Amino acid sequence: MINDNHIPDRDDDIDGYTKIDRYNPALIENLSAHYKDILHQIGEKPEREGLLKSPERVAKALLYLTQGYDLDAKEILNSAMFKEDYSQMVIVKDIEVYSMCEHHMLPFFGKAHVAYIPNGHVVGLSKIPRVVDVFARRLQVQERLTNEIRDCIQDTLNPWGVGIVIECRHLCMSMRGVQKQNSVTTTSAFTGEFLKEKTRTEFLNLISSRLS
């Protein structure tokens, strides 16, 4: 997807994280041809004014929405790890999640709540949402997404424990199939201290609370 033969549309280095829209022209051309054929197959006319640029736009959108394949979540965490004598729960909650279901390639979206208990090291707070983005920007199922975030933080930071809760709405359920517009899917994953009921309950209470 992203390689040395790219056209940079935007490249802003924000807090050590490079937000990139880079496209391989040959890949864009190839994908665009497929999308043009798809438009023909469904009975549309890709030559009409409103659709002339659509195959290219959709190709670029797909590459943007799947850019997580080209990013290393562990590298992002390692770029901002600091020694710190702190051993209480650290929570980053209400992280926006946007991903695509691998079964129908339709979006699912919602919020992630991530916590860890440091074991000698903390990480820059902005890196936790970045890790969520890395795994969300791939074709996913919510269950695997939850586990991948948990495992990455556990393996990289080696904390006393990690807790993850993700709540999402899936358009594959809202727009097609059972068409249940108001359903929300919740997944969770825990390691270490979060496997203990007391710690897990504290975490769930904290992500449910609101600042006054």
Protein backbone atom coordinates (compact mmCIF):
# COMPACT_ATOMS: atom_id res chain seq x y z
CA MET A 1 0.00 0.00 0.00
CA ILE A 2 2.46 2.64 1.19
CA ASN A 3 5.93 2.45 -0.26
CA ASP A 4 8.73 4.56 -1.72
CA ASN A 5 6.84 5.22 -4.94
CA HIS A 6 4.16 7.35 -3.39
CA ILE A 7 2.40 10.64 -3.84
CA PRO A 8 2.12 12.43 -0.48
CA ASP A 9 -1.20 14.25 -0.10
CA ARG A 10 -0.56 15.12 3.53
CA ASP A 11 2.25 14.31 5.93
CA ASP A 12 1.92 15.94 9.32
CA ASP A 13 4.07 14.65 12.14
CA ILE A 14 1.95 15.10 15.25
CA ASP A 15 3.44 14.15 18.62
CA GLY A 16 5.74 11.55 17.08
CA TYR A 17 2.94 9.98 15.02
CA THR A 18 2.93 10.56 11.29
CA LYS A 19 -0.54 10.95 9.86
CA ILE A 20 -0.20 10.00 6.23
CA ASP A 21 -2.21 9.94 3.04
CA ARG A 22 0.30 8.41 0.61
CA TYR A 23 -0.68 6.52 -2.47
CA ASN A 24 1.17 4.35 -4.96
CA PRO A 25 -0.05 5.66 -8.35
CA ALA A 26 0.07 2.21 -9.98
CA LEU A 27 -1.95 0.68 -7.14
CA ILE A 28 -4.53 3.49 -7.27
CA GLU A 29 -4.88 2.99 -11.02
CA ASN A 30 -5.34 -0.77 -10.60
CA LEU A 31 -7.91 -0.44 -7.81
CA SER A 32 -9.76 2.29 -9.68
CA ALA A 33 -10.15 0.01 -12.70
CA HIS A 34 -11.73 -2.64 -10.49
CA TYR A 35 -14.13 -0.15 -8.91
CA LYS A 36 -15.06 1.15 -12.36
CA ASP A 37 -15.92 -2.41 -13.38
CA ILE A 38 -17.98 -2.86 -10.20
CA LEU A 39 -20.00 0.24 -11.09
CA HIS A 40 -20.71 -1.30 -14.50
CA GLN A 41 -21.70 -4.61 -12.88
CA ILE A 42 -24.30 -3.01 -10.60
CA GLY A 43 -25.90 -1.15 -13.51
CA GLU A 44 -24.31 2.29 -13.09
CA LYS A 45 -22.56 4.44 -15.68
CA PRO A 46 -19.09 5.37 -14.40
CA GLU A 47 -18.75 7.77 -17.36
CA ARG A 48 -21.44 10.10 -16.05
CA GLU A 49 -20.31 13.31 -14.42
CA GLY A 50 -21.05 12.40 -10.83
CA LEU A 51 -19.07 9.15 -11.01
CA LEU A 52 -16.09 10.15 -13.15
CA LYS A 53 -13.73 10.49 -10.17
CA SER A 54 -15.49 8.01 -7.88
CA PRO A 55 -13.34 4.93 -8.63
CA GLU A 56 -10.17 6.86 -7.76
CA ARG A 57 -11.73 8.41 -4.66
CA VAL A 58 -12.93 5.02 -3.41
CA ALA A 59 -9.51 3.46 -4.05
CA LYS A 60 -7.81 6.20 -2.00
CA ALA A 61 -10.43 5.90 0.73
CA LEU A 62 -9.88 2.15 0.99
CA LEU A 63 -6.13 2.58 1.33
CA TYR A 64 -6.62 5.23 3.98
CA LEU A 65 -9.07 3.08 5.93
CA THR A 66 -6.66 0.13 5.85
CA GLN A 67 -3.41 2.03 6.51
CA GLY A 68 -2.99 0.12 9.78
CA TYR A 69 -1.32 -2.68 7.84
CA ASP A 70 1.62 -0.33 7.25
CA LEU A 71 1.99 0.85 10.85
CA ASP A 72 3.76 -0.81 13.79
CA ALA A 73 1.84 -0.40 17.05
CA LYS A 74 4.73 -1.59 19.21
CA GLU A 75 7.02 0.95 17.60
CA ILE A 76 4.53 3.70 18.44
CA LEU A 77 4.49 2.66 22.10
CA ASN A 78 8.26 2.29 22.27
CA SER A 79 8.69 5.82 20.91
CA ALA A 80 7.25 7.31 24.11
CA MET A 81 8.00 4.93 27.00
CA PHE A 82 9.32 6.49 30.19
CA LYS A 83 10.53 5.10 33.49
CA GLU A 84 8.12 6.19 36.21
CA ASP A 85 7.45 5.03 39.76
CA TYR A 86 3.68 4.86 39.37
CA SER A 87 1.66 1.72 39.95
CA GLN A 88 -1.98 2.86 39.92
CA MET A 89 -4.45 2.40 37.13
CA VAL A 90 -4.03 4.57 34.03
CA ILE A 91 -7.18 4.86 31.90
CA VAL A 92 -7.74 6.45 28.51
CA LYS A 93 -11.45 6.22 27.80
CA ASP A 94 -13.88 7.25 25.09
CA ILE A 95 -11.32 6.70 22.31
CA GLU A 96 -13.13 6.95 18.98
CA VAL A 97 -12.98 3.74 16.95
CA TYR A 98 -13.59 3.52 13.20
CA SER A 99 -13.02 0.19 11.51
CA MET A 100 -14.34 -2.07 8.75
CA CYS A 101 -15.96 -5.45 9.22
CA GLU A 102 -14.00 -8.06 7.28
CA HIS A 103 -17.14 -10.03 6.44
CA HIS A 104 -18.99 -7.32 4.49
CA MET A 105 -16.42 -4.50 4.39
CA LEU A 106 -18.93 -2.17 6.01
CA PRO A 107 -17.94 0.21 8.82
CA PHE A 108 -18.31 -0.35 12.50
CA PHE A 109 -17.63 2.46 14.92
CA GLY A 110 -17.83 3.39 18.58
CA LYS A 111 -15.53 3.87 21.55
CA ALA A 112 -12.67 2.05 23.22
CA HIS A 113 -11.70 2.28 26.88
CA VAL A 114 -8.13 1.24 27.65
CA ALA A 115 -6.41 0.84 31.01
CA TYR A 116 -3.11 -0.50 32.28
CA ILE A 117 -1.29 -0.68 35.60
CA PRO A 118 2.35 0.40 35.09
CA ASN A 119 5.21 -1.81 36.15
CA GLY A 120 8.06 0.71 36.12
CA HIS A 121 7.18 2.30 32.77
CA VAL A 122 4.44 4.59 31.51
CA VAL A 123 3.69 5.61 27.93
CA GLY A 124 2.70 8.98 26.48
CA LEU A 125 -1.09 9.17 26.71
CA SER A 126 -1.55 10.03 23.04
CA LYS A 127 0.06 6.73 22.06
CA ILE A 128 -2.83 4.65 23.42
CA PRO A 129 -5.35 6.08 20.89
CA ARG A 130 -2.70 5.65 18.18
CA VAL A 131 -2.43 1.96 19.00
CA VAL A 132 -6.21 1.65 18.78
CA ASP A 133 -6.09 3.30 15.34
CA VAL A 134 -3.34 0.99 14.07
CA PHE A 135 -5.46 -2.11 14.65
CA ALA A 136 -8.79 -0.48 13.78
CA ARG A 137 -7.50 0.66 10.39
CA ARG A 138 -7.51 -2.91 9.11
CA LEU A 139 -10.25 -5.31 8.06
CA GLN A 140 -11.43 -6.52 11.45
CA VAL A 141 -13.83 -8.29 13.70
CA GLN A 142 -14.43 -6.51 16.98
CA GLU A 143 -13.37 -9.49 19.06
CA ARG A 144 -9.94 -9.70 17.40
CA LEU A 145 -9.50 -5.93 17.53
CA THR A 146 -10.02 -6.02 21.29
CA ASN A 147 -7.48 -8.78 21.80
CA GLU A 148 -4.87 -7.21 19.51
CA ILE A 149 -4.91 -3.92 21.43
CA ARG A 150 -4.66 -5.79 24.75
CA ASP A 151 -1.80 -8.01 23.61
CA CYS A 152 0.20 -5.16 22.09
CA ILE A 153 0.10 -3.09 25.28
CA GLN A 154 0.82 -6.12 27.47
CA ASP A 155 3.74 -7.32 25.35
CA THR A 156 5.32 -3.89 24.90
CA LEU A 157 4.88 -2.23 28.31
CA ASN A 158 4.87 -5.39 30.44
CA PRO A 159 2.45 -3.78 32.93
CA TRP A 160 0.83 -5.47 35.92
CA GLY A 161 -2.29 -5.79 33.81
CA VAL A 162 -4.30 -4.44 30.87
CA GLY A 163 -8.04 -3.88 30.55
CA ILE A 164 -9.92 -3.15 27.33
CA VAL A 165 -13.61 -2.53 26.66
CA ILE A 166 -14.89 -1.65 23.18
CA GLU A 167 -18.48 -0.65 22.34
CA CYS A 168 -19.44 -0.40 18.67
CA ARG A 169 -22.34 -0.14 16.25
CA HIS A 170 -21.98 -2.31 13.14
CA LEU A 171 -23.49 -1.12 9.87
CA CYS A 172 -23.63 -4.72 8.64
CA MET A 173 -26.34 -5.17 11.29
CA SER A 174 -27.99 -1.77 10.80
CA MET A 175 -28.09 -1.50 6.99
CA ARG A 176 -28.52 -5.13 5.96
CA GLY A 177 -29.23 -8.54 7.47
CA VAL A 178 -31.25 -8.21 10.68
CA GLN A 179 -31.41 -4.39 10.29
CA LYS A 180 -31.27 -3.66 14.03
CA GLN A 181 -30.36 0.02 14.03
CA ASN A 182 -29.90 0.49 17.76
CA SER A 183 -27.86 -2.57 18.67
CA VAL A 184 -24.43 -2.11 20.28
CA THR A 185 -21.76 -4.80 20.53
CA THR A 186 -19.51 -4.77 23.60
CA THR A 187 -16.27 -6.74 23.86
CA SER A 188 -13.68 -6.87 26.62
CA ALA A 189 -10.25 -8.35 27.25
CA PHE A 190 -8.09 -8.44 30.39
CA THR A 191 -4.69 -9.54 31.62
CA GLY A 192 -2.91 -9.68 34.96
CA GLU A 193 -4.48 -7.67 37.77
CA PHE A 194 -7.59 -7.00 35.68
CA LEU A 195 -8.47 -10.68 35.91
CA LYS A 196 -9.21 -10.01 39.57
CA GLU A 197 -12.83 -9.03 40.19
CA LYS A 198 -11.96 -6.05 42.42
CA THR A 199 -9.64 -4.43 39.86
CA ARG A 200 -11.96 -5.17 36.96
CA THR A 201 -14.94 -3.69 38.82
CA GLU A 202 -12.97 -0.53 39.60
CA PHE A 203 -12.08 -0.17 35.93
CA LEU A 204 -15.66 -0.70 34.75
CA ASN A 205 -16.96 1.80 37.31
CA LEU A 206 -14.41 4.41 36.25
CA ILE A 207 -15.17 4.17 32.53
CA SER A 208 -18.89 4.46 33.32
CA SER A 209 -18.44 7.64 35.37
CA ARG A 210 -18.41 11.19 34.07
CA LEU A 211 -16.38 14.13 35.33
CA SER A 212 -18.51 16.65 37.23
